[in-house]
Amino acid sequence: MERPNVKRVRISNERQISIPKEFYDQLHLKDEAFIELSNSSLIIRPTNSEHVDLSEYILKDLVKQGYEGDELIKKFSEIKKGIPQAIDKLTREALANKTMTADMSLDEFLDGS
């Protein structure tokens, strides 16, 4: 007997699956989702679940680095634009078992290299 939050689905020859309608509706999925491998499980999450506001941390770090006035605003905008890519990078690194060190600056954190 299957549990209510578990459904068996078929996998096509093209590696495609169909998400049960009740799960799709409950998660408010649209045309994209995040999928990740965790141990021996696949996790599917809606893309709208990734809202993270790091503004306060960014500003504190920039003030600590000596930025102020227009220069602070400019640098903050640059960093804020890079957050989605930084989150993607952190996700890839976490899945590859890489770690972020405590001594990394915010610029290193957001750097795509």
N, C-alpha and C. Protein backbone atom coordinates (compact mmCIF):
# COMPACT_ATOMS: atom_id res chain seq x y z
N MET A 1 0.84 -1.18 0.00
CA MET A 1 0.00 0.00 0.00
C MET A 1 0.89 1.25 0.00
N GLU A 2 0.61 2.19 -0.90
CA GLU A 2 1.42 3.40 -1.01
C GLU A 2 0.98 4.45 0.01
N ARG A 3 1.96 5.21 0.50
CA ARG A 3 1.66 6.33 1.40
C ARG A 3 1.08 7.48 0.59
N PRO A 4 0.31 8.38 1.22
CA PRO A 4 -0.34 9.48 0.48
C PRO A 4 0.64 10.40 -0.25
N ASN A 5 1.86 10.60 0.27
CA ASN A 5 2.82 11.51 -0.37
C ASN A 5 3.77 10.78 -1.30
N VAL A 6 3.48 9.53 -1.63
CA VAL A 6 4.33 8.76 -2.51
C VAL A 6 3.48 8.23 -3.66
N LYS A 7 3.95 8.44 -4.86
CA LYS A 7 3.26 7.92 -6.05
C LYS A 7 4.29 7.20 -6.91
N ARG A 8 3.89 6.11 -7.50
CA ARG A 8 4.75 5.40 -8.45
C ARG A 8 4.48 5.99 -9.83
N VAL A 9 5.55 6.36 -10.56
CA VAL A 9 5.41 6.90 -11.90
C VAL A 9 6.28 6.11 -12.86
N ARG A 10 5.90 6.13 -14.12
CA ARG A 10 6.68 5.44 -15.15
C ARG A 10 7.78 6.38 -15.66
N ILE A 11 8.87 5.79 -16.07
CA ILE A 11 9.97 6.53 -16.68
C ILE A 11 10.02 6.11 -18.15
N SER A 12 9.93 7.09 -19.05
CA SER A 12 9.94 6.79 -20.49
C SER A 12 11.34 6.42 -20.95
N ASN A 13 11.43 5.94 -22.19
CA ASN A 13 12.74 5.62 -22.77
C ASN A 13 13.61 6.87 -22.90
N GLU A 14 12.98 8.06 -22.89
CA GLU A 14 13.70 9.33 -22.97
C GLU A 14 14.02 9.88 -21.59
N ARG A 15 13.86 9.07 -20.54
CA ARG A 15 14.13 9.42 -19.14
C ARG A 15 13.15 10.46 -18.60
N GLN A 16 11.97 10.54 -19.16
CA GLN A 16 10.97 11.51 -18.72
C GLN A 16 10.00 10.87 -17.75
N ILE A 17 9.53 11.70 -16.80
CA ILE A 17 8.49 11.25 -15.87
C ILE A 17 7.36 12.27 -15.89
N SER A 18 6.20 11.87 -15.46
CA SER A 18 5.08 12.79 -15.28
C SER A 18 4.89 13.01 -13.79
N ILE A 19 4.75 14.27 -13.41
CA ILE A 19 4.51 14.62 -12.01
C ILE A 19 3.02 14.49 -11.77
N PRO A 20 2.61 13.72 -10.76
CA PRO A 20 1.18 13.60 -10.48
C PRO A 20 0.55 14.98 -10.29
N LYS A 21 -0.65 15.15 -10.84
CA LYS A 21 -1.33 16.44 -10.83
C LYS A 21 -1.46 17.03 -9.43
N GLU A 22 -1.80 16.21 -8.44
CA GLU A 22 -1.96 16.75 -7.09
C GLU A 22 -0.65 17.31 -6.54
N PHE A 23 0.48 16.68 -6.87
CA PHE A 23 1.79 17.21 -6.44
C PHE A 23 2.10 18.50 -7.18
N TYR A 24 1.87 18.47 -8.51
CA TYR A 24 2.10 19.64 -9.36
C TYR A 24 1.32 20.84 -8.84
N ASP A 25 0.04 20.63 -8.56
CA ASP A 25 -0.81 21.71 -8.08
C ASP A 25 -0.40 22.18 -6.69
N GLN A 26 -0.10 21.25 -5.81
CA GLN A 26 0.25 21.61 -4.42
C GLN A 26 1.53 22.43 -4.36
N LEU A 27 2.49 22.13 -5.24
CA LEU A 27 3.77 22.86 -5.25
C LEU A 27 3.73 24.11 -6.13
N HIS A 28 2.61 24.34 -6.81
CA HIS A 28 2.47 25.50 -7.71
C HIS A 28 3.59 25.52 -8.74
N LEU A 29 3.86 24.36 -9.33
CA LEU A 29 4.90 24.27 -10.35
C LEU A 29 4.45 24.97 -11.61
N LYS A 30 5.40 25.49 -12.36
CA LYS A 30 5.13 26.17 -13.62
C LYS A 30 5.86 25.40 -14.72
N ASP A 31 6.68 26.10 -15.51
CA ASP A 31 7.38 25.44 -16.62
C ASP A 31 8.80 25.00 -16.27
N GLU A 32 9.27 25.28 -15.06
CA GLU A 32 10.60 24.86 -14.61
C GLU A 32 10.55 24.42 -13.16
N ALA A 33 11.49 23.56 -12.79
CA ALA A 33 11.64 23.15 -11.39
C ALA A 33 13.12 22.84 -11.16
N PHE A 34 13.53 22.86 -9.90
CA PHE A 34 14.87 22.43 -9.54
C PHE A 34 14.80 20.94 -9.24
N ILE A 35 15.79 20.18 -9.72
CA ILE A 35 15.87 18.77 -9.39
C ILE A 35 17.29 18.50 -8.90
N GLU A 36 17.39 17.79 -7.80
CA GLU A 36 18.72 17.50 -7.26
C GLU A 36 18.78 16.07 -6.78
N LEU A 37 19.99 15.54 -6.78
CA LEU A 37 20.25 14.20 -6.31
C LEU A 37 20.73 14.29 -4.88
N SER A 38 20.08 13.57 -3.98
CA SER A 38 20.46 13.56 -2.58
C SER A 38 20.50 12.11 -2.12
N ASN A 39 21.70 11.63 -1.88
CA ASN A 39 21.90 10.21 -1.56
C ASN A 39 21.29 9.37 -2.68
N SER A 40 20.27 8.62 -2.40
CA SER A 40 19.66 7.79 -3.44
C SER A 40 18.28 8.30 -3.82
N SER A 41 18.03 9.60 -3.65
CA SER A 41 16.73 10.18 -3.94
C SER A 41 16.86 11.37 -4.88
N LEU A 42 15.82 11.59 -5.68
CA LEU A 42 15.70 12.80 -6.48
C LEU A 42 14.74 13.72 -5.75
N ILE A 43 15.10 14.99 -5.66
CA ILE A 43 14.26 15.98 -5.02
C ILE A 43 13.86 17.00 -6.08
N ILE A 44 12.57 17.24 -6.21
CA ILE A 44 12.05 18.23 -7.16
C ILE A 44 11.45 19.36 -6.35
N ARG A 45 11.94 20.60 -6.61
CA ARG A 45 11.45 21.77 -5.89
C ARG A 45 11.02 22.83 -6.88
N PRO A 46 9.99 23.61 -6.53
CA PRO A 46 9.60 24.72 -7.42
C PRO A 46 10.69 25.78 -7.46
N THR A 47 10.82 26.43 -8.60
CA THR A 47 11.84 27.47 -8.73
C THR A 47 11.52 28.68 -7.86
N ASN A 48 10.26 28.91 -7.55
CA ASN A 48 9.91 30.06 -6.71
C ASN A 48 10.24 29.84 -5.24
N SER A 49 10.75 28.66 -4.88
CA SER A 49 11.12 28.41 -3.49
C SER A 49 12.53 28.90 -3.18
N GLU A 50 13.19 29.49 -4.16
CA GLU A 50 14.58 29.89 -4.01
C GLU A 50 14.77 31.36 -3.67
N HIS A 51 13.75 32.03 -3.16
CA HIS A 51 13.90 33.45 -2.83
C HIS A 51 14.74 33.59 -1.56
N VAL A 52 15.88 34.21 -1.72
CA VAL A 52 16.78 34.44 -0.60
C VAL A 52 17.17 35.92 -0.63
N ASP A 53 16.99 36.62 0.49
CA ASP A 53 17.38 38.02 0.55
C ASP A 53 18.62 38.16 1.42
N LEU A 54 19.74 38.42 0.78
CA LEU A 54 21.02 38.56 1.48
C LEU A 54 21.42 40.02 1.63
N SER A 55 20.51 40.94 1.38
CA SER A 55 20.83 42.37 1.35
C SER A 55 21.54 42.85 2.61
N GLU A 56 21.01 42.49 3.76
CA GLU A 56 21.60 42.95 5.01
C GLU A 56 23.04 42.47 5.15
N TYR A 57 23.29 41.21 4.81
CA TYR A 57 24.64 40.65 4.93
C TYR A 57 25.59 41.30 3.93
N ILE A 58 25.09 41.54 2.72
CA ILE A 58 25.91 42.20 1.70
C ILE A 58 26.30 43.59 2.17
N LEU A 59 25.33 44.36 2.64
CA LEU A 59 25.60 45.73 3.08
C LEU A 59 26.57 45.76 4.26
N LYS A 60 26.38 44.89 5.23
CA LYS A 60 27.31 44.84 6.37
C LYS A 60 28.73 44.54 5.91
N ASP A 61 28.87 43.60 5.00
CA ASP A 61 30.19 43.25 4.50
C ASP A 61 30.82 44.41 3.73
N LEU A 62 30.03 45.08 2.90
CA LEU A 62 30.56 46.20 2.12
C LEU A 62 30.96 47.37 3.02
N VAL A 63 30.17 47.67 4.03
CA VAL A 63 30.52 48.73 4.99
C VAL A 63 31.80 48.35 5.71
N LYS A 64 31.91 47.09 6.10
CA LYS A 64 33.13 46.60 6.77
C LYS A 64 34.35 46.77 5.87
N GLN A 65 34.14 46.64 4.55
CA GLN A 65 35.23 46.81 3.59
C GLN A 65 35.53 48.27 3.30
N GLY A 66 34.71 49.18 3.86
CA GLY A 66 34.98 50.61 3.70
C GLY A 66 34.18 51.32 2.64
N TYR A 67 33.25 50.64 2.00
CA TYR A 67 32.43 51.31 0.99
C TYR A 67 31.43 52.23 1.68
N GLU A 68 31.13 53.35 1.00
CA GLU A 68 30.12 54.28 1.51
C GLU A 68 29.58 55.10 0.36
N GLY A 69 28.45 55.77 0.60
CA GLY A 69 27.84 56.66 -0.38
C GLY A 69 27.51 55.98 -1.70
N ASP A 70 27.75 56.71 -2.79
CA ASP A 70 27.45 56.20 -4.13
C ASP A 70 28.23 54.94 -4.46
N GLU A 71 29.47 54.88 -3.97
CA GLU A 71 30.30 53.70 -4.21
C GLU A 71 29.68 52.46 -3.56
N LEU A 72 29.12 52.62 -2.37
CA LEU A 72 28.44 51.54 -1.67
C LEU A 72 27.23 51.06 -2.48
N ILE A 73 26.44 52.01 -2.96
CA ILE A 73 25.24 51.67 -3.74
C ILE A 73 25.62 50.93 -5.02
N LYS A 74 26.64 51.40 -5.71
CA LYS A 74 27.09 50.78 -6.96
C LYS A 74 27.56 49.35 -6.71
N LYS A 75 28.41 49.17 -5.69
CA LYS A 75 28.95 47.84 -5.39
C LYS A 75 27.84 46.90 -4.94
N PHE A 76 26.89 47.41 -4.13
CA PHE A 76 25.76 46.60 -3.67
C PHE A 76 24.95 46.10 -4.87
N SER A 77 24.67 46.99 -5.83
CA SER A 77 23.91 46.61 -7.02
C SER A 77 24.62 45.53 -7.82
N GLU A 78 25.94 45.67 -7.97
CA GLU A 78 26.73 44.68 -8.70
C GLU A 78 26.62 43.31 -8.04
N ILE A 79 26.79 43.29 -6.74
CA ILE A 79 26.77 42.03 -6.01
C ILE A 79 25.38 41.42 -6.03
N LYS A 80 24.36 42.24 -5.84
CA LYS A 80 22.98 41.75 -5.81
C LYS A 80 22.61 41.07 -7.13
N LYS A 81 23.09 41.62 -8.24
CA LYS A 81 22.81 41.03 -9.56
C LYS A 81 23.45 39.65 -9.70
N GLY A 82 24.54 39.42 -8.99
CA GLY A 82 25.26 38.15 -9.10
C GLY A 82 24.75 37.05 -8.19
N ILE A 83 23.78 37.35 -7.34
CA ILE A 83 23.31 36.36 -6.36
C ILE A 83 22.72 35.10 -7.01
N PRO A 84 21.84 35.20 -8.02
CA PRO A 84 21.31 33.96 -8.59
C PRO A 84 22.41 33.02 -9.10
N GLN A 85 23.41 33.59 -9.77
CA GLN A 85 24.51 32.76 -10.25
C GLN A 85 25.31 32.18 -9.09
N ALA A 86 25.48 32.98 -8.03
CA ALA A 86 26.22 32.50 -6.86
C ALA A 86 25.49 31.35 -6.18
N ILE A 87 24.18 31.45 -6.09
CA ILE A 87 23.39 30.37 -5.48
C ILE A 87 23.50 29.11 -6.33
N ASP A 88 23.42 29.26 -7.65
CA ASP A 88 23.60 28.11 -8.53
C ASP A 88 24.97 27.48 -8.33
N LYS A 89 26.00 28.32 -8.23
CA LYS A 89 27.36 27.82 -8.03
C LYS A 89 27.48 27.08 -6.70
N LEU A 90 26.91 27.66 -5.64
CA LEU A 90 26.97 27.00 -4.33
C LEU A 90 26.25 25.66 -4.35
N THR A 91 25.14 25.61 -5.05
CA THR A 91 24.40 24.35 -5.16
C THR A 91 25.24 23.30 -5.86
N ARG A 92 25.86 23.68 -6.98
CA ARG A 92 26.72 22.73 -7.69
C ARG A 92 27.87 22.27 -6.81
N GLU A 93 28.50 23.20 -6.08
CA GLU A 93 29.62 22.84 -5.21
C GLU A 93 29.17 21.95 -4.06
N ALA A 94 28.02 22.24 -3.51
CA ALA A 94 27.51 21.41 -2.41
C ALA A 94 27.26 20.00 -2.90
N LEU A 95 26.71 19.88 -4.10
CA LEU A 95 26.45 18.57 -4.65
C LEU A 95 27.75 17.84 -4.99
N ALA A 96 28.81 18.59 -5.22
CA ALA A 96 30.12 18.00 -5.51
C ALA A 96 30.94 17.84 -4.23
N ASN A 97 30.31 18.05 -3.09
CA ASN A 97 30.94 17.93 -1.77
C ASN A 97 32.07 18.92 -1.54
N LYS A 98 32.00 20.07 -2.16
CA LYS A 98 32.96 21.13 -1.89
C LYS A 98 32.46 21.94 -0.71
N THR A 99 33.37 22.58 -0.02
CA THR A 99 32.97 23.40 1.11
C THR A 99 33.42 24.84 0.90
N MET A 100 32.66 25.75 1.47
CA MET A 100 33.01 27.16 1.45
C MET A 100 33.69 27.46 2.78
N THR A 101 34.84 28.11 2.72
CA THR A 101 35.58 28.38 3.94
C THR A 101 35.09 29.66 4.61
N ALA A 102 35.25 29.72 5.92
CA ALA A 102 34.77 30.86 6.70
C ALA A 102 35.55 32.14 6.39
N ASP A 103 36.76 32.00 5.86
CA ASP A 103 37.58 33.19 5.60
C ASP A 103 37.34 33.79 4.21
N MET A 104 36.36 33.27 3.46
CA MET A 104 36.07 33.81 2.13
C MET A 104 35.36 35.14 2.26
N SER A 105 35.77 36.11 1.43
CA SER A 105 35.06 37.39 1.39
C SER A 105 33.79 37.25 0.57
N LEU A 106 32.93 38.24 0.64
CA LEU A 106 31.69 38.21 -0.14
C LEU A 106 32.00 38.18 -1.63
N ASP A 107 33.03 38.90 -2.06
CA ASP A 107 33.42 38.87 -3.48
C ASP A 107 33.84 37.47 -3.91
N GLU A 108 34.61 36.78 -3.08
CA GLU A 108 35.00 35.41 -3.40
C GLU A 108 33.79 34.51 -3.43
N PHE A 109 32.86 34.73 -2.50
CA PHE A 109 31.63 33.96 -2.44
C PHE A 109 30.82 34.11 -3.72
N LEU A 110 30.75 35.31 -4.24
CA LEU A 110 29.95 35.58 -5.43
C LEU A 110 30.71 35.37 -6.73
N ASP A 111 32.02 35.19 -6.66
CA ASP A 111 32.84 35.02 -7.85
C ASP A 111 32.49 33.73 -8.55
N GLY A 112 32.31 33.79 -9.84
CA GLY A 112 31.92 32.62 -10.62
C GLY A 112 33.07 31.70 -11.01
N SER A 113 34.29 32.05 -10.66
CA SER A 113 35.43 31.22 -11.10
C SER A 113 35.67 30.07 -10.17
